[in-house]
Amino acid sequence: MTKTEKAKLTLGIDKNIILSAKRAGINISEITENLLKAVTYESDLIPYDKIVNSFEIFLTEIQKLVKKYDLVTQVGERQYIDHKNSERPPIIEKIILNKAGLYAVDEESTLRKIKVEEVLNDLDPPLFILEVLFKDLIESTEKSQARVHELNFALKLLQSLSEETEERI
């Protein structure tokens, strides 16, 4: 792979999102660059496989954060008709990205491993995917902080009870 020349860019992004991203160890430049690769294609001019490849690169970058923070992030949704049972209402599947990869999840919560080329047209726009990812990261961080706080409280309580029991003995 050839090294490309980098250029400086100034972006206007909500300060709280930037701070949350930095606290979470997110490389904003890398994600932004890969996002731009994915969204700046012109589908009439670029071969389908290059579009798929761009989305694969984008989702691979997101998956690094998904793995690091043990997240499950929705990246799309698809709807289709079961031709074997035409009386059944359309089937809706969520497209998720977890630490193991890209999956379709049906109404019964059955996971089915999928490839980007199978669902390319059902994936959400990259900016929306990033927005969902950042919300998931913030929510995960807040839950983790609450758990640590609860564990620290429980530890102090346990230590206090333990000390009281030792004093009585």
Protein backbone atom coordinates (compact mmCIF):
# COMPACT_ATOMS: atom_id res chain seq x y z
CA MET A 1 0.00 0.00 0.00
CA THR A 2 1.40 3.39 -0.92
CA LYS A 3 1.75 6.15 1.63
CA THR A 4 -0.52 9.10 0.86
CA GLU A 5 0.19 12.72 1.67
CA LYS A 6 -1.84 13.94 4.63
CA ALA A 7 -3.39 17.40 4.90
CA LYS A 8 -4.65 19.29 7.96
CA LEU A 9 -8.40 19.76 8.28
CA THR A 10 -10.46 21.73 10.76
CA LEU A 11 -13.84 20.25 11.70
CA GLY A 12 -16.66 21.71 13.75
CA ILE A 13 -17.69 18.93 16.13
CA ASP A 14 -19.62 19.18 19.39
CA LYS A 15 -17.06 19.68 22.18
CA ASN A 16 -18.70 17.04 24.41
CA ILE A 17 -18.47 14.44 21.65
CA ILE A 18 -14.78 15.22 21.16
CA LEU A 19 -14.09 14.93 24.90
CA SER A 20 -16.05 11.68 25.14
CA ALA A 21 -14.23 10.27 22.12
CA LYS A 22 -10.82 11.18 23.55
CA ARG A 23 -11.69 9.66 26.93
CA ALA A 24 -12.74 6.49 25.10
CA GLY A 25 -9.43 6.38 23.21
CA ILE A 26 -11.04 6.97 19.83
CA ASN A 27 -8.76 8.14 17.02
CA ILE A 28 -11.04 10.79 15.50
CA SER A 29 -8.73 11.43 12.52
CA GLU A 30 -8.58 7.76 11.54
CA ILE A 31 -12.34 7.24 11.84
CA THR A 32 -13.04 10.47 9.93
CA GLU A 33 -10.66 9.50 7.12
CA ASN A 34 -12.21 6.04 6.75
CA LEU A 35 -15.70 7.51 6.92
CA LEU A 36 -14.83 9.92 4.11
CA LYS A 37 -13.45 7.05 2.04
CA ALA A 38 -16.75 5.24 2.46
CA VAL A 39 -19.07 8.17 1.72
CA THR A 40 -17.27 9.93 -1.11
CA TYR A 41 -17.81 7.28 -3.72
CA GLU A 42 -20.00 7.89 -6.76
CA SER A 43 -21.73 4.59 -7.33
CA ASP A 44 -22.07 5.13 -11.10
CA LEU A 45 -18.33 5.59 -11.46
CA ILE A 46 -16.86 3.23 -8.88
CA PRO A 47 -17.16 -0.55 -9.23
CA TYR A 48 -19.45 -2.27 -6.74
CA ASP A 49 -16.57 -4.23 -5.19
CA LYS A 50 -14.76 -0.99 -4.34
CA ILE A 51 -17.88 0.33 -2.61
CA VAL A 52 -18.13 -2.91 -0.65
CA ASN A 53 -14.43 -2.66 0.21
CA SER A 54 -14.84 0.92 1.45
CA PHE A 55 -17.69 -0.11 3.73
CA GLU A 56 -15.67 -3.11 4.95
CA ILE A 57 -12.79 -0.78 5.88
CA PHE A 58 -15.20 1.58 7.63
CA LEU A 59 -16.87 -1.23 9.60
CA THR A 60 -13.48 -2.77 10.48
CA GLU A 61 -12.46 0.51 12.10
CA ILE A 62 -15.73 0.67 14.02
CA GLN A 63 -15.33 -2.97 15.06
CA LYS A 64 -12.05 -2.11 16.81
CA LEU A 65 -14.03 0.10 19.20
CA VAL A 66 -16.85 -2.43 19.42
CA LYS A 67 -14.31 -5.06 20.55
CA LYS A 68 -12.49 -2.72 22.92
CA TYR A 69 -15.69 -1.71 24.72
CA ASP A 70 -17.65 -4.96 24.22
CA LEU A 71 -20.47 -3.21 22.35
CA VAL A 72 -23.20 -4.32 20.01
CA THR A 73 -24.02 -1.54 17.55
CA GLN A 74 -26.85 -1.51 15.05
CA VAL A 75 -25.59 -0.50 11.60
CA GLY A 76 -28.67 -1.10 9.49
CA GLU A 77 -31.99 -2.85 9.02
CA ARG A 78 -33.47 -4.95 6.27
CA GLN A 79 -36.99 -6.02 5.46
CA TYR A 80 -38.01 -8.83 3.16
CA ILE A 81 -40.90 -11.14 2.29
CA ASP A 82 -40.82 -14.84 3.10
CA HIS A 83 -41.81 -16.29 -0.28
CA LYS A 84 -42.49 -19.69 1.30
CA ASN A 85 -45.18 -18.11 3.49
CA SER A 86 -46.69 -15.15 1.65
CA GLU A 87 -49.31 -14.57 4.35
CA ARG A 88 -46.64 -13.79 6.90
CA PRO A 89 -45.90 -10.08 7.40
CA PRO A 90 -42.53 -8.84 6.13
CA ILE A 91 -39.54 -10.08 8.12
CA ILE A 92 -37.48 -7.33 9.72
CA GLU A 93 -33.85 -7.98 10.58
CA LYS A 94 -31.53 -5.64 12.41
CA ILE A 95 -27.99 -5.54 11.07
CA ILE A 96 -25.55 -5.39 13.96
CA LEU A 97 -21.81 -5.23 14.42
CA ASN A 98 -20.37 -6.98 17.45
CA LYS A 99 -16.90 -8.20 18.40
CA ALA A 100 -17.35 -11.30 16.22
CA GLY A 101 -18.43 -9.47 13.08
CA LEU A 102 -21.48 -8.40 11.08
CA TYR A 103 -24.77 -10.18 11.81
CA ALA A 104 -28.45 -10.09 10.92
CA VAL A 105 -30.78 -10.52 13.90
CA ASP A 106 -34.38 -11.55 13.26
CA GLU A 107 -37.48 -11.05 15.43
CA GLU A 108 -36.66 -14.24 17.39
CA SER A 109 -33.16 -12.86 18.16
CA THR A 110 -31.52 -15.47 15.92
CA LEU A 111 -28.06 -14.35 14.80
CA ARG A 112 -26.92 -15.03 11.25
CA LYS A 113 -23.39 -14.10 10.14
CA ILE A 114 -23.50 -11.94 7.00
CA LYS A 115 -21.15 -10.21 4.59
CA VAL A 116 -21.21 -6.53 3.65
CA GLU A 117 -22.04 -7.31 0.01
CA GLU A 118 -25.24 -9.12 1.13
CA VAL A 119 -26.59 -6.06 2.94
CA LEU A 120 -24.81 -3.08 1.40
CA ASN A 121 -28.06 -1.37 0.42
CA ASP A 122 -29.55 -2.01 3.88
CA LEU A 123 -26.70 -0.45 5.87
CA ASP A 124 -27.32 2.94 7.45
CA PRO A 125 -25.41 5.94 6.12
CA PRO A 126 -21.90 6.09 7.63
CA LEU A 127 -22.53 9.33 9.54
CA PHE A 128 -25.60 7.81 11.16
CA ILE A 129 -23.63 4.67 12.05
CA LEU A 130 -21.00 6.87 13.72
CA GLU A 131 -23.67 8.75 15.64
CA VAL A 132 -25.13 5.47 16.94
CA LEU A 133 -21.64 4.21 17.79
CA PHE A 134 -20.80 7.34 19.79
CA LYS A 135 -24.10 7.10 21.69
CA ASP A 136 -23.38 3.42 22.43
CA LEU A 137 -19.84 4.30 23.60
CA ILE A 138 -21.09 7.06 25.88
CA GLU A 139 -23.81 4.82 27.31
CA SER A 140 -21.31 2.01 27.88
CA THR A 141 -18.86 4.38 29.59
CA GLU A 142 -21.59 5.72 31.87
CA LYS A 143 -22.70 2.18 32.79
CA SER A 144 -19.09 1.16 33.47
CA GLN A 145 -18.54 4.18 35.69
CA ALA A 146 -21.74 3.38 37.61
CA ARG A 147 -20.62 -0.26 38.05
CA VAL A 148 -17.20 0.80 39.35
CA HIS A 149 -18.88 3.21 41.77
CA GLU A 150 -21.22 0.46 43.01
CA LEU A 151 -18.33 -2.01 43.34
CA ASN A 152 -16.28 0.51 45.32
CA PHE A 153 -19.24 1.12 47.62
CA ALA A 154 -19.78 -2.63 48.07
CA LEU A 155 -16.07 -3.15 48.77
CA LYS A 156 -16.03 -0.41 51.42
CA LEU A 157 -19.17 -1.85 53.01
CA LEU A 158 -17.67 -5.34 53.01
CA GLN A 159 -14.41 -4.07 54.50
CA SER A 160 -16.35 -2.20 57.17
CA LEU A 161 -18.38 -5.28 58.06
CA SER A 162 -15.25 -7.39 58.07
CA GLU A 163 -13.48 -4.97 60.44
CA GLU A 164 -16.51 -4.93 62.78
CA THR A 165 -16.57 -8.73 62.83
CA GLU A 166 -12.83 -8.91 63.62
CA GLU A 167 -13.24 -6.38 66.46
CA ARG A 168 -15.99 -8.49 68.04
CA ILE A 169 -13.88 -11.64 67.92
